[in-house]
Amino acid sequence: MRTPGRPQIDDLRIAGIRELAPPAHLVREFLVTEANAAFIAESRATIIRILQREDPRLLVISGPCSIHDMDAALEYAQRLAQVRQQLAGRIELVMRVYFEKPRTTVG
């Protein structure tokens, strides 16, 4: 709230504020396909087997620290998927990323 006679020092670079959709709404809006659910379940099971030394492969978790450019993120994921397939017999390659981290958000 602005006080008359006092210079405004807060929110000087804020162009606008809009409400974010609640997570429950996003879960309903963007349903996980059967194929994606199967991929996630199998990937998690593989990671558990590697951590419990039931699978001899090396687990490599890779990815950008955070994503601000969705096109670049998708390109990275596609390239990583190709490398993952090439190394599948020796390495389980997992992409892990935050979409926006509290310390690195812009705007």
PDB file of N, CA and C in Angstrom:
ATOM      1  N   MET A   1       0.846  -1.163   0.000  1.00  0.00           N
ATOM      2  CA  MET A   1       0.000   0.000   0.000  1.00  0.00           C
ATOM      3  C   MET A   1       0.898   1.234   0.000  1.00  0.00           C
ATOM      4  N   ARG A   2       0.542   2.206  -0.793  1.00  0.00           N
ATOM      5  CA  ARG A   2       1.353   3.410  -0.937  1.00  0.00           C
ATOM      6  C   ARG A   2       0.927   4.452   0.090  1.00  0.00           C
ATOM      7  N   THR A   3       1.930   5.059   0.744  1.00  0.00           N
ATOM      8  CA  THR A   3       1.684   6.136   1.701  1.00  0.00           C
ATOM      9  C   THR A   3       1.942   7.466   0.999  1.00  0.00           C
ATOM     10  N   PRO A   4       0.972   8.390   1.016  1.00  0.00           N
ATOM     11  CA  PRO A   4       1.176   9.688   0.360  1.00  0.00           C
ATOM     12  C   PRO A   4       2.400  10.407   0.933  1.00  0.00           C
ATOM     13  N   GLY A   5       3.196  11.006   0.049  1.00  0.00           N
ATOM     14  CA  GLY A   5       4.372  11.749   0.473  1.00  0.00           C
ATOM     15  C   GLY A   5       5.607  10.891   0.688  1.00  0.00           C
ATOM     16  N   ARG A   6       5.469   9.609   0.627  1.00  0.00           N
ATOM     17  CA  ARG A   6       6.603   8.704   0.827  1.00  0.00           C
ATOM     18  C   ARG A   6       6.948   8.045  -0.508  1.00  0.00           C
ATOM     19  N   PRO A   7       8.229   8.021  -0.882  1.00  0.00           N
ATOM     20  CA  PRO A   7       8.585   7.402  -2.164  1.00  0.00           C
ATOM     21  C   PRO A   7       8.268   5.906  -2.168  1.00  0.00           C
ATOM     22  N   GLN A   8       7.803   5.441  -3.303  1.00  0.00           N
ATOM     23  CA  GLN A   8       7.513   4.012  -3.433  1.00  0.00           C
ATOM     24  C   GLN A   8       8.826   3.270  -3.639  1.00  0.00           C
ATOM     25  N   ILE A   9       9.067   2.277  -2.788  1.00  0.00           N
ATOM     26  CA  ILE A   9      10.309   1.504  -2.884  1.00  0.00           C
ATOM     27  C   ILE A   9      10.056   0.014  -3.104  1.00  0.00           C
ATOM     28  N   ASP A  10       8.826  -0.433  -2.969  1.00  0.00           N
ATOM     29  CA  ASP A  10       8.497  -1.848  -3.153  1.00  0.00           C
ATOM     30  C   ASP A  10       7.812  -2.070  -4.497  1.00  0.00           C
ATOM     31  N   ASP A  11       8.055  -3.221  -5.072  1.00  0.00           N
ATOM     32  CA  ASP A  11       7.375  -3.659  -6.297  1.00  0.00           C
ATOM     33  C   ASP A  11       7.538  -2.701  -7.472  1.00  0.00           C
ATOM     34  N   LEU A  12       8.680  -2.053  -7.572  1.00  0.00           N
ATOM     35  CA  LEU A  12       8.895  -1.091  -8.652  1.00  0.00           C
ATOM     36  C   LEU A  12       8.973  -1.757 -10.023  1.00  0.00           C
ATOM     37  N   ARG A  13       9.429  -2.975 -10.074  1.00  0.00           N
ATOM     38  CA  ARG A  13       9.613  -3.657 -11.358  1.00  0.00           C
ATOM     39  C   ARG A  13       8.570  -4.752 -11.604  1.00  0.00           C
ATOM     40  N   ILE A  14       7.512  -4.739 -10.844  1.00  0.00           N
ATOM     41  CA  ILE A  14       6.452  -5.729 -11.001  1.00  0.00           C
ATOM     42  C   ILE A  14       5.463  -5.226 -12.047  1.00  0.00           C
ATOM     43  N   ALA A  15       5.360  -5.959 -13.158  1.00  0.00           N
ATOM     44  CA  ALA A  15       4.451  -5.560 -14.236  1.00  0.00           C
ATOM     45  C   ALA A  15       3.024  -6.025 -13.957  1.00  0.00           C
ATOM     46  N   GLY A  16       2.875  -7.083 -13.186  1.00  0.00           N
ATOM     47  CA  GLY A  16       1.549  -7.585 -12.888  1.00  0.00           C
ATOM     48  C   GLY A  16       1.628  -8.793 -11.980  1.00  0.00           C
ATOM     49  N   ILE A  17       0.529  -9.106 -11.372  1.00  0.00           N
ATOM     50  CA  ILE A  17       0.439 -10.258 -10.483  1.00  0.00           C
ATOM     51  C   ILE A  17      -0.788 -11.052 -10.907  1.00  0.00           C
ATOM     52  N   ARG A  18      -0.605 -12.365 -11.042  1.00  0.00           N
ATOM     53  CA  ARG A  18      -1.747 -13.209 -11.365  1.00  0.00           C
ATOM     54  C   ARG A  18      -1.722 -14.440 -10.473  1.00  0.00           C
ATOM     55  N   GLU A  19      -2.880 -14.940 -10.197  1.00  0.00           N
ATOM     56  CA  GLU A  19      -3.022 -16.084  -9.305  1.00  0.00           C
ATOM     57  C   GLU A  19      -2.564 -17.365  -9.999  1.00  0.00           C
ATOM     58  N   LEU A  20      -1.848 -18.199  -9.262  1.00  0.00           N
ATOM     59  CA  LEU A  20      -1.418 -19.495  -9.780  1.00  0.00           C
ATOM     60  C   LEU A  20      -2.506 -20.535  -9.540  1.00  0.00           C
ATOM     61  N   ALA A  21      -2.593 -21.469 -10.451  1.00  0.00           N
ATOM     62  CA  ALA A  21      -3.544 -22.566 -10.285  1.00  0.00           C
ATOM     63  C   ALA A  21      -3.073 -23.459  -9.143  1.00  0.00           C
ATOM     64  N   PRO A  22      -3.990 -23.929  -8.313  1.00  0.00           N
ATOM     65  CA  PRO A  22      -3.593 -24.840  -7.232  1.00  0.00           C
ATOM     66  C   PRO A  22      -3.104 -26.169  -7.805  1.00  0.00           C
ATOM     67  N   PRO A  23      -2.164 -26.826  -7.130  1.00  0.00           N
ATOM     68  CA  PRO A  23      -1.635 -28.103  -7.623  1.00  0.00           C
ATOM     69  C   PRO A  23      -2.717 -29.140  -7.931  1.00  0.00           C
ATOM     70  N   ALA A  24      -3.755 -29.204  -7.126  1.00  0.00           N
ATOM     71  CA  ALA A  24      -4.820 -30.190  -7.365  1.00  0.00           C
ATOM     72  C   ALA A  24      -5.486 -29.955  -8.721  1.00  0.00           C
ATOM     73  N   HIS A  25      -5.621 -28.705  -9.110  1.00  0.00           N
ATOM     74  CA  HIS A  25      -6.199 -28.381 -10.417  1.00  0.00           C
ATOM     75  C   HIS A  25      -5.286 -28.875 -11.539  1.00  0.00           C
ATOM     76  N   LEU A  26      -3.990 -28.672 -11.380  1.00  0.00           N
ATOM     77  CA  LEU A  26      -3.032 -29.107 -12.403  1.00  0.00           C
ATOM     78  C   LEU A  26      -3.019 -30.626 -12.540  1.00  0.00           C
ATOM     79  N   VAL A  27      -3.139 -31.326 -11.421  1.00  0.00           N
ATOM     80  CA  VAL A  27      -3.171 -32.795 -11.454  1.00  0.00           C
ATOM     81  C   VAL A  27      -4.394 -33.273 -12.241  1.00  0.00           C
ATOM     82  N   ARG A  28      -5.532 -32.609 -12.053  1.00  0.00           N
ATOM     83  CA  ARG A  28      -6.740 -32.977 -12.798  1.00  0.00           C
ATOM     84  C   ARG A  28      -6.630 -32.589 -14.274  1.00  0.00           C
ATOM     85  N   GLU A  29      -6.017 -31.448 -14.539  1.00  0.00           N
ATOM     86  CA  GLU A  29      -5.933 -30.918 -15.906  1.00  0.00           C
ATOM     87  C   GLU A  29      -4.953 -31.699 -16.784  1.00  0.00           C
ATOM     88  N   PHE A  30      -3.824 -32.110 -16.218  1.00  0.00           N
ATOM     89  CA  PHE A  30      -2.773 -32.773 -16.982  1.00  0.00           C
ATOM     90  C   PHE A  30      -2.608 -34.210 -16.484  1.00  0.00           C
ATOM     91  N   LEU A  31      -3.471 -35.059 -16.951  1.00  0.00           N
ATOM     92  CA  LEU A  31      -3.461 -36.444 -16.508  1.00  0.00           C
ATOM     93  C   LEU A  31      -2.225 -37.174 -17.036  1.00  0.00           C
ATOM     94  N   VAL A  32      -1.706 -38.069 -16.236  1.00  0.00           N
ATOM     95  CA  VAL A  32      -0.561 -38.887 -16.627  1.00  0.00           C
ATOM     96  C   VAL A  32      -1.086 -40.042 -17.478  1.00  0.00           C
ATOM     97  N   THR A  33      -0.471 -40.236 -18.638  1.00  0.00           N
ATOM     98  CA  THR A  33      -0.890 -41.337 -19.511  1.00  0.00           C
ATOM     99  C   THR A  33      -0.430 -42.668 -18.918  1.00  0.00           C
ATOM    100  N   GLU A  34      -1.035 -43.744 -19.389  1.00  0.00           N
ATOM    101  CA  GLU A  34      -0.632 -45.079 -18.934  1.00  0.00           C
ATOM    102  C   GLU A  34       0.834 -45.339 -19.260  1.00  0.00           C
ATOM    103  N   ALA A  35       1.263 -44.910 -20.447  1.00  0.00           N
ATOM    104  CA  ALA A  35       2.660 -45.119 -20.849  1.00  0.00           C
ATOM    105  C   ALA A  35       3.609 -44.348 -19.936  1.00  0.00           C
ATOM    106  N   ASN A  36       3.251 -43.112 -19.608  1.00  0.00           N
ATOM    107  CA  ASN A  36       4.105 -42.324 -18.716  1.00  0.00           C
ATOM    108  C   ASN A  36       4.128 -42.905 -17.311  1.00  0.00           C
ATOM    109  N   ALA A  37       2.979 -43.352 -16.833  1.00  0.00           N
ATOM    110  CA  ALA A  37       2.919 -43.957 -15.500  1.00  0.00           C
ATOM    111  C   ALA A  37       3.785 -45.213 -15.444  1.00  0.00           C
ATOM    112  N   ALA A  38       3.734 -46.017 -16.501  1.00  0.00           N
ATOM    113  CA  ALA A  38       4.552 -47.237 -16.544  1.00  0.00           C
ATOM    114  C   ALA A  38       6.037 -46.890 -16.571  1.00  0.00           C
ATOM    115  N   PHE A  39       6.406 -45.871 -17.348  1.00  0.00           N
ATOM    116  CA  PHE A  39       7.807 -45.441 -17.423  1.00  0.00           C
ATOM    117  C   PHE A  39       8.297 -44.964 -16.055  1.00  0.00           C
ATOM    118  N   ILE A  40       7.481 -44.163 -15.378  1.00  0.00           N
ATOM    119  CA  ILE A  40       7.853 -43.645 -14.058  1.00  0.00           C
ATOM    120  C   ILE A  40       8.013 -44.794 -13.063  1.00  0.00           C
ATOM    121  N   ALA A  41       7.053 -45.705 -13.043  1.00  0.00           N
ATOM    122  CA  ALA A  41       7.110 -46.834 -12.104  1.00  0.00           C
ATOM    123  C   ALA A  41       8.342 -47.699 -12.358  1.00  0.00           C
ATOM    124  N   GLU A  42       8.621 -48.007 -13.619  1.00  0.00           N
ATOM    125  CA  GLU A  42       9.778 -48.846 -13.943  1.00  0.00           C
ATOM    126  C   GLU A  42      11.083 -48.126 -13.617  1.00  0.00           C
ATOM    127  N   SER A  43      11.140 -46.824 -13.895  1.00  0.00           N
ATOM    128  CA  SER A  43      12.351 -46.052 -13.578  1.00  0.00           C
ATOM    129  C   SER A  43      12.619 -46.045 -12.078  1.00  0.00           C
ATOM    130  N   ARG A  44      11.575 -45.846 -11.297  1.00  0.00           N
ATOM    131  CA  ARG A  44      11.738 -45.860  -9.838  1.00  0.00           C
ATOM    132  C   ARG A  44      12.195 -47.232  -9.348  1.00  0.00           C
ATOM    133  N   ALA A  45      11.615 -48.284  -9.909  1.00  0.00           N
ATOM    134  CA  ALA A  45      12.010 -49.641  -9.515  1.00  0.00           C
ATOM    135  C   ALA A  45      13.470 -49.902  -9.881  1.00  0.00           C
ATOM    136  N   THR A  46      13.888 -49.425 -11.041  1.00  0.00           N
ATOM    137  CA  THR A  46      15.282 -49.594 -11.470  1.00  0.00           C
ATOM    138  C   THR A  46      16.226 -48.868 -10.526  1.00  0.00           C
ATOM    139  N   ILE A  47      15.873 -47.655 -10.156  1.00  0.00           N
ATOM    140  CA  ILE A  47      16.711 -46.876  -9.234  1.00  0.00           C
ATOM    141  C   ILE A  47      16.847 -47.613  -7.905  1.00  0.00           C
ATOM    142  N   ILE A  48      15.750 -48.146  -7.407  1.00  0.00           N
ATOM    143  CA  ILE A  48      15.788 -48.898  -6.146  1.00  0.00           C
ATOM    144  C   ILE A  48      16.708 -50.109  -6.277  1.00  0.00           C
ATOM    145  N   ARG A  49      16.594 -50.843  -7.394  1.00  0.00           N
ATOM    146  CA  ARG A  49      17.458 -52.017  -7.593  1.00  0.00           C
ATOM    147  C   ARG A  49      18.936 -51.618  -7.629  1.00  0.00           C
ATOM    148  N   ILE A  50      19.247 -50.503  -8.263  1.00  0.00           N
ATOM    149  CA  ILE A  50      20.643 -50.047  -8.316  1.00  0.00           C
ATOM    150  C   ILE A  50      21.125 -49.668  -6.919  1.00  0.00           C
ATOM    151  N   LEU A  51      20.308 -48.923  -6.182  1.00  0.00           N
ATOM    152  CA  LEU A  51      20.704 -48.495  -4.836  1.00  0.00           C
ATOM    153  C   LEU A  51      20.856 -49.677  -3.882  1.00  0.00           C
ATOM    154  N   GLN A  52      20.083 -50.732  -4.114  1.00  0.00           N
ATOM    155  CA  GLN A  52      20.185 -51.929  -3.275  1.00  0.00           C
ATOM    156  C   GLN A  52      21.202 -52.930  -3.829  1.00  0.00           C
ATOM    157  N   ARG A  53      21.933 -52.516  -4.850  1.00  0.00           N
ATOM    158  CA  ARG A  53      22.989 -53.318  -5.485  1.00  0.00           C
ATOM    159  C   ARG A  53      22.475 -54.618  -6.097  1.00  0.00           C
ATOM    160  N   GLU A  54      21.218 -54.612  -6.487  1.00  0.00           N
ATOM    161  CA  GLU A  54      20.653 -55.750  -7.211  1.00  0.00           C
ATOM    162  C   GLU A  54      20.843 -55.572  -8.718  1.00  0.00           C
ATOM    163  N   ASP A  55      21.179 -54.364  -9.131  1.00  0.00           N
ATOM    164  CA  ASP A  55      21.447 -54.025 -10.532  1.00  0.00           C
ATOM    165  C   ASP A  55      22.842 -53.414 -10.550  1.00  0.00           C
ATOM    166  N   PRO A  56      23.772 -53.963 -11.344  1.00  0.00           N
ATOM    167  CA  PRO A  56      25.164 -53.511 -11.293  1.00  0.00           C
ATOM    168  C   PRO A  56      25.440 -52.173 -11.982  1.00  0.00           C
ATOM    169  N   ARG A  57      24.450 -51.625 -12.651  1.00  0.00           N
ATOM    170  CA  ARG A  57      24.694 -50.388 -13.398  1.00  0.00           C
ATOM    171  C   ARG A  57      24.961 -49.204 -12.472  1.00  0.00           C
ATOM    172  N   LEU A  58      25.613 -48.207 -13.033  1.00  0.00           N
ATOM    173  CA  LEU A  58      25.875 -46.954 -12.337  1.00  0.00           C
ATOM    174  C   LEU A  58      24.662 -46.050 -12.502  1.00  0.00           C
ATOM    175  N   LEU A  59      24.206 -45.445 -11.420  1.00  0.00           N
ATOM    176  CA  LEU A  59      23.103 -44.489 -11.470  1.00  0.00           C
ATOM    177  C   LEU A  59      23.687 -43.096 -11.635  1.00  0.00           C
ATOM    178  N   VAL A  60      23.289 -42.407 -12.699  1.00  0.00           N
ATOM    179  CA  VAL A  60      23.747 -41.039 -12.956  1.00  0.00           C
ATOM    180  C   VAL A  60      22.521 -40.142 -12.997  1.00  0.00           C
ATOM    181  N   ILE A  61      22.496 -39.160 -12.103  1.00  0.00           N
ATOM    182  CA  ILE A  61      21.397 -38.200 -12.063  1.00  0.00           C
ATOM    183  C   ILE A  61      21.942 -36.892 -12.607  1.00  0.00           C
ATOM    184  N   SER A  62      21.324 -36.408 -13.669  1.00  0.00           N
ATOM    185  CA  SER A  62      21.851 -35.260 -14.387  1.00  0.00           C
ATOM    186  C   SER A  62      20.724 -34.295 -14.720  1.00  0.00           C
ATOM    187  N   GLY A  63      21.110 -33.082 -15.003  1.00  0.00           N
ATOM    188  CA  GLY A  63      20.117 -32.130 -15.466  1.00  0.00           C
ATOM    189  C   GLY A  63      20.524 -30.716 -15.137  1.00  0.00           C
ATOM    190  N   PRO A  64      19.849 -29.791 -15.748  1.00  0.00           N
ATOM    191  CA  PRO A  64      20.118 -28.401 -15.401  1.00  0.00           C
ATOM    192  C   PRO A  64      19.635 -28.134 -13.979  1.00  0.00           C
ATOM    193  N   CYS A  65      20.241 -27.160 -13.342  1.00  0.00           N
ATOM    194  CA  CYS A  65      19.877 -26.818 -11.966  1.00  0.00           C
ATOM    195  C   CYS A  65      18.404 -26.420 -11.887  1.00  0.00           C
ATOM    196  N   SER A  66      17.981 -25.590 -12.826  1.00  0.00           N
ATOM    197  CA  SER A  66      16.576 -25.199 -12.887  1.00  0.00           C
ATOM    198  C   SER A  66      16.239 -24.826 -14.325  1.00  0.00           C
ATOM    199  N   ILE A  67      14.959 -24.815 -14.634  1.00  0.00           N
ATOM    200  CA  ILE A  67      14.502 -24.542 -15.996  1.00  0.00           C
ATOM    201  C   ILE A  67      13.732 -23.233 -16.033  1.00  0.00           C
ATOM    202  N   HIS A  68      14.121 -22.407 -16.987  1.00  0.00           N
ATOM    203  CA  HIS A  68      13.372 -21.176 -17.242  1.00  0.00           C
ATOM    204  C   HIS A  68      12.930 -21.117 -18.699  1.00  0.00           C
ATOM    205  N   ASP A  69      13.504 -21.958 -19.546  1.00  0.00           N
ATOM    206  CA  ASP A  69      13.209 -21.981 -20.979  1.00  0.00           C
ATOM    207  C   ASP A  69      12.739 -23.389 -21.337  1.00  0.00           C
ATOM    208  N   MET A  70      11.441 -23.545 -21.537  1.00  0.00           N
ATOM    209  CA  MET A  70      10.873 -24.873 -21.779  1.00  0.00           C
ATOM    210  C   MET A  70      11.393 -25.505 -23.069  1.00  0.00           C
ATOM    211  N   ASP A  71      11.599 -24.706 -24.114  1.00  0.00           N
ATOM    212  CA  ASP A  71      12.106 -25.270 -25.373  1.00  0.00           C
ATOM    213  C   ASP A  71      13.500 -25.859 -25.186  1.00  0.00           C
ATOM    214  N   ALA A  72      14.359 -25.119 -24.487  1.00  0.00           N
ATOM    215  CA  ALA A  72      15.715 -25.614 -24.226  1.00  0.00           C
ATOM    216  C   ALA A  72      15.667 -26.861 -23.343  1.00  0.00           C
ATOM    217  N   ALA A  73      14.752 -26.880 -22.387  1.00  0.00           N
ATOM    218  CA  ALA A  73      14.624 -28.038 -21.498  1.00  0.00           C
ATOM    219  C   ALA A  73      14.186 -29.280 -22.272  1.00  0.00           C
ATOM    220  N   LEU A  74      13.246 -29.115 -23.184  1.00  0.00           N
ATOM    221  CA  LEU A  74      12.793 -30.254 -23.985  1.00  0.00           C
ATOM    222  C   LEU A  74      13.903 -30.759 -24.899  1.00  0.00           C
ATOM    223  N   GLU A  75      14.671 -29.841 -25.480  1.00  0.00           N
ATOM    224  CA  GLU A  75      15.794 -30.255 -26.324  1.00  0.00           C
ATOM    225  C   GLU A  75      16.820 -31.033 -25.494  1.00  0.00           C
ATOM    226  N   TYR A  76      17.118 -30.527 -24.301  1.00  0.00           N
ATOM    227  CA  TYR A  76      18.059 -31.208 -23.404  1.00  0.00           C
ATOM    228  C   TYR A  76      17.549 -32.610 -23.072  1.00  0.00           C
ATOM    229  N   ALA A  77      16.265 -32.709 -22.744  1.00  0.00           N
ATOM    230  CA  ALA A  77      15.675 -34.005 -22.380  1.00  0.00           C
ATOM    231  C   ALA A  77      15.735 -34.989 -23.547  1.00  0.00           C
ATOM    232  N   GLN A  78      15.477 -34.509 -24.749  1.00  0.00           N
ATOM    233  CA  GLN A  78      15.527 -35.390 -25.919  1.00  0.00           C
ATOM    234  C   GLN A  78      16.944 -35.894 -26.171  1.00  0.00           C
ATOM    235  N   ARG A  79      17.919 -35.011 -26.043  1.00  0.00           N
ATOM    236  CA  ARG A  79      19.314 -35.428 -26.235  1.00  0.00           C
ATOM    237  C   ARG A  79      19.745 -36.405 -25.140  1.00  0.00           C
ATOM    238  N   LEU A  80      19.327 -36.121 -23.915  1.00  0.00           N
ATOM    239  CA  LEU A  80      19.669 -37.001 -22.803  1.00  0.00           C
ATOM    240  C   LEU A  80      19.033 -38.379 -22.994  1.00  0.00           C
ATOM    241  N   ALA A  81      17.818 -38.415 -23.526  1.00  0.00           N
ATOM    242  CA  ALA A  81      17.140 -39.693 -23.778  1.00  0.00           C
ATOM    243  C   ALA A  81      17.917 -40.538 -24.789  1.00  0.00           C
ATOM    244  N   GLN A  82      18.494 -39.889 -25.788  1.00  0.00           N
ATOM    245  CA  GLN A  82      19.304 -40.620 -26.772  1.00  0.00           C
ATOM    246  C   GLN A  82      20.548 -41.219 -26.117  1.00  0.00           C
ATOM    247  N   VAL A  83      21.220 -40.423 -25.295  1.00  0.00           N
ATOM    248  CA  VAL A  83      22.412 -40.908 -24.588  1.00  0.00           C
ATOM    249  C   VAL A  83      22.018 -42.030 -23.636  1.00  0.00           C
ATOM    250  N   ARG A  84      20.878 -41.878 -22.972  1.00  0.00           N
ATOM    251  CA  ARG A  84      20.384 -42.901 -22.044  1.00  0.00           C
ATOM    252  C   ARG A  84      20.222 -44.243 -22.754  1.00  0.00           C
ATOM    253  N   GLN A  85      19.660 -44.217 -23.951  1.00  0.00           N
ATOM    254  CA  GLN A  85      19.477 -45.458 -24.707  1.00  0.00           C
ATOM    255  C   GLN A  85      20.817 -46.078 -25.100  1.00  0.00           C
ATOM    256  N   GLN A  86      21.768 -45.235 -25.494  1.00  0.00           N
ATOM    257  CA  GLN A  86      23.081 -45.732 -25.911  1.00  0.00           C
ATOM    258  C   GLN A  86      23.828 -46.407 -24.762  1.00  0.00           C
ATOM    259  N   LEU A  87      23.641 -45.899 -23.546  1.00  0.00           N
ATOM    260  CA  LEU A  87      24.395 -46.387 -22.388  1.00  0.00           C
ATOM    261  C   LEU A  87      23.583 -47.306 -21.476  1.00  0.00           C
ATOM    262  N   ALA A  88      22.407 -47.700 -21.905  1.00  0.00           N
ATOM    263  CA  ALA A  88      21.466 -48.424 -21.042  1.00  0.00           C
ATOM    264  C   ALA A  88      22.038 -49.672 -20.392  1.00  0.00           C
ATOM    265  N   GLY A  89      22.946 -50.355 -21.033  1.00  0.00           N
ATOM    266  CA  GLY A  89      23.505 -51.575 -20.456  1.00  0.00           C
ATOM    267  C   GLY A  89      24.469 -51.333 -19.316  1.00  0.00           C
ATOM    268  N   ARG A  90      25.022 -50.130 -19.256  1.00  0.00           N
ATOM    269  CA  ARG A  90      26.031 -49.825 -18.233  1.00  0.00           C
ATOM    270  C   ARG A  90      25.592 -48.761 -17.234  1.00  0.00           C
ATOM    271  N   ILE A  91      24.715 -47.855 -17.685  1.00  0.00           N
ATOM    272  CA  ILE A  91      24.350 -46.695 -16.863  1.00  0.00           C
ATOM    273  C   ILE A  91      22.839 -46.488 -16.904  1.00  0.00           C
ATOM    274  N   GLU A  92      22.271 -46.156 -15.761  1.00  0.00           N
ATOM    275  CA  GLU A  92      20.881 -45.692 -15.703  1.00  0.00           C
ATOM    276  C   GLU A  92      20.957 -44.178 -15.560  1.00  0.00           C
ATOM    277  N   LEU A  93      20.574 -43.476 -16.609  1.00  0.00           N
ATOM    278  CA  LEU A  93      20.679 -42.020 -16.660  1.00  0.00           C
ATOM    279  C   LEU A  93      19.314 -41.410 -16.391  1.00  0.00           C
ATOM    280  N   VAL A  94      19.248 -40.554 -15.375  1.00  0.00           N
ATOM    281  CA  VAL A  94      17.994 -39.951 -14.947  1.00  0.00           C
ATOM    282  C   VAL A  94      18.122 -38.436 -15.030  1.00  0.00           C
ATOM    283  N   MET A  95      17.133 -37.793 -15.631  1.00  0.00           N
ATOM    284  CA  MET A  95      17.104 -36.325 -15.653  1.00  0.00           C
ATOM    285  C   MET A  95      16.302 -35.843 -14.455  1.00  0.00           C
ATOM    286  N   ARG A  96      16.905 -34.957 -13.707  1.00  0.00           N
ATOM    287  CA  ARG A  96      16.246 -34.374 -12.540  1.00  0.00           C
ATOM    288  C   ARG A  96      16.362 -32.871 -12.654  1.00  0.00           C
ATOM    289  N   VAL A  97      15.272 -32.169 -12.410  1.00  0.00           N
ATOM    290  CA  VAL A  97      15.307 -30.715 -12.578  1.00  0.00           C
ATOM    291  C   VAL A  97      14.196 -30.055 -11.766  1.00  0.00           C
ATOM    292  N   TYR A  98      14.477 -28.871 -11.307  1.00  0.00           N
ATOM    293  CA  TYR A  98      13.449 -28.007 -10.735  1.00  0.00           C
ATOM    294  C   TYR A  98      12.969 -27.086 -11.839  1.00  0.00           C
ATOM    295  N   PHE A  99      11.693 -26.784 -11.858  1.00  0.00           N
ATOM    296  CA  PHE A  99      11.207 -25.848 -12.862  1.00  0.00           C
ATOM    297  C   PHE A  99      11.526 -24.421 -12.456  1.00  0.00           C
ATOM    298  N   GLU A 100      11.453 -24.111 -11.207  1.00  0.00           N
ATOM    299  CA  GLU A 100      11.925 -22.826 -10.696  1.00  0.00           C
ATOM    300  C   GLU A 100      12.305 -23.031  -9.247  1.00  0.00           C
ATOM    301  N   LYS A 101      13.546 -22.713  -8.939  1.00  0.00           N
ATOM    302  CA  LYS A 101      14.005 -22.818  -7.563  1.00  0.00           C
ATOM    303  C   LYS A 101      13.821 -21.460  -6.893  1.00  0.00           C
ATOM    304  N   PRO A 102      13.499 -21.439  -5.606  1.00  0.00           N
ATOM    305  CA  PRO A 102      13.253 -20.169  -4.924  1.00  0.00           C
ATOM    306  C   PRO A 102      14.396 -19.164  -5.047  1.00  0.00           C
ATOM    307  N   ARG A 103      15.639 -19.642  -5.051  1.00  0.00           N
ATOM    308  CA  ARG A 103      16.768 -18.709  -5.097  1.00  0.00           C
ATOM    309  C   ARG A 103      17.099 -18.239  -6.506  1.00  0.00           C
ATOM    310  N   THR A 104      16.534 -18.886  -7.522  1.00  0.00           N
ATOM    311  CA  THR A 104      16.953 -18.565  -8.884  1.00  0.00           C
ATOM    312  C   THR A 104      15.815 -18.092  -9.773  1.00  0.00           C
ATOM    313  N   THR A 105      14.669 -17.756  -9.203  1.00  0.00           N
ATOM    314  CA  THR A 105      13.577 -17.274 -10.041  1.00  0.00           C
ATOM    315  C   THR A 105      13.908 -15.883 -10.554  1.00  0.00           C
ATOM    316  N   VAL A 106      13.371 -15.579 -11.693  1.00  0.00           N
ATOM    317  CA  VAL A 106      13.602 -14.264 -12.283  1.00  0.00           C
ATOM    318  C   VAL A 106      12.291 -13.508 -12.323  1.00  0.00           C
ATOM    319  N   GLY A 107      12.387 -12.168 -12.241  1.00  0.00           N
ATOM    320  CA  GLY A 107      11.183 -11.353 -12.384  1.00  0.00           C
ATOM    321  C   GLY A 107      10.601 -10.899 -11.151  1.00  0.00           C
TER     322      GLY A 107
END
